[in-house]
Protein backbone atom coordinates (compact mmCIF):
# COMPACT_ATOMS: atom_id res chain seq x y z
CA UNK A 1 9.64 8.68 1.26
CA UNK A 2 7.17 6.48 -0.57
CA UNK A 3 8.22 3.49 1.53
CA UNK A 4 7.60 5.40 4.75
CA UNK A 5 4.19 6.53 3.56
CA UNK A 6 3.28 2.95 2.63
CA UNK A 7 4.37 1.80 6.08
CA UNK A 8 2.28 4.40 7.84
CA UNK A 9 -0.78 3.47 5.76
CA UNK A 10 -0.21 -0.21 6.46
CA UNK A 11 0.03 0.36 10.20
CA UNK A 12 -3.20 2.38 10.12
CA UNK A 13 -4.93 -0.43 8.18
CA UNK A 14 -3.70 -3.07 10.62
CA UNK A 15 -4.69 -1.04 13.68
CA UNK A 16 -8.18 -0.31 12.37
CA UNK A 17 -8.61 -3.93 11.25
CA UNK A 18 -8.01 -5.18 14.80
CA UNK A 19 -11.18 -3.37 15.82
CA UNK A 20 -13.13 -5.04 13.01
CA UNK A 21 -13.93 -1.92 11.00
CA UNK A 22 -12.22 -2.94 7.75
CA UNK A 23 -13.17 -6.21 5.97
CA UNK A 24 -10.72 -9.12 5.90
CA UNK A 25 -9.35 -8.55 2.40
CA UNK A 26 -7.95 -5.20 3.53
CA UNK A 27 -5.66 -7.00 5.95
CA UNK A 28 -3.96 -8.55 2.92
CA UNK A 29 -3.53 -5.05 1.52
CA UNK A 30 -1.99 -3.88 4.78
CA UNK A 31 0.51 -6.74 4.92
CA UNK A 32 1.34 -6.16 1.27
CA UNK A 33 2.13 -2.53 2.11
CA UNK A 34 4.29 -3.62 5.05
CA UNK A 35 6.33 -5.99 2.91
CA UNK A 36 6.63 -3.49 0.07
CA UNK A 37 7.84 -0.88 2.56
CA UNK A 38 10.47 -3.26 3.90
CA UNK A 39 11.67 -4.26 0.44
CA UNK A 40 11.81 -0.62 -0.69
CA UNK A 41 13.74 0.41 2.40
CA UNK A 42 16.25 -2.41 2.03
CA UNK A 43 16.64 -1.62 -1.66
CA UNK A 44 17.37 2.02 -0.94
CA UNK A 45 19.90 1.14 1.76
CA UNK A 46 21.67 -1.42 -0.41
CA UNK A 47 21.73 0.88 -3.43
CA UNK A 48 23.23 3.75 -1.48
CA UNK A 49 25.73 1.49 0.27
CA UNK A 50 26.91 -0.04 -2.98
CA UNK A 51 27.11 3.33 -4.67
CA UNK A 52 29.28 4.65 -1.84
CA UNK A 53 31.53 1.58 -2.02
CA UNK A 54 31.77 1.29 -5.79
CA UNK A 55 31.98 4.97 -6.74
CA UNK A 56 35.62 5.43 -5.63
CA UNK A 57 36.59 2.07 -7.11
CA UNK A 58 35.01 2.68 -10.49
CA UNK A 59 35.92 6.36 -10.76
CA UNK A 60 39.35 7.43 -9.46
CA UNK A 61 38.37 11.10 -9.72
CA UNK A 62 35.68 10.51 -7.09
CA UNK A 63 38.27 8.90 -4.83
CA UNK A 64 40.61 11.86 -5.27
CA UNK A 65 37.81 14.32 -4.56
CA UNK A 66 36.90 12.45 -1.37
CA UNK A 67 40.48 12.28 -0.06
CA UNK A 68 41.62 15.79 -1.04
CA UNK A 69 40.22 17.60 2.04
CA UNK A 70 42.13 15.24 4.35
CA UNK A 71 45.37 15.82 2.48
CA UNK A 72 44.86 19.58 2.63
CA UNK A 73 44.15 19.39 6.36
CA UNK A 74 47.41 17.52 6.92
CA UNK A 75 49.31 20.14 4.92
CA UNK A 76 47.80 22.94 6.98
CA UNK A 77 48.73 21.17 10.21
CA UNK A 78 52.30 20.67 8.99
CA UNK A 79 52.62 24.36 8.15
CA UNK A 80 51.44 25.39 11.60
């Protein structure tokens, strides 16, 4: 959420700066916000991806909890 807010602020700064309203040093601030937004977004994506991949590997109980509904669905189908 913070990364999205930083991106919106950066785009506003860049758009206003094209019309010459904001001084030059604010363009640096805008690009800094753009890069921080991108890094934050990539960090969140990588963290969630790795947690989804590593959670079943590191904790077998998580793996069992994730696969149990599929096993129960197969049992119900076999009974029908």
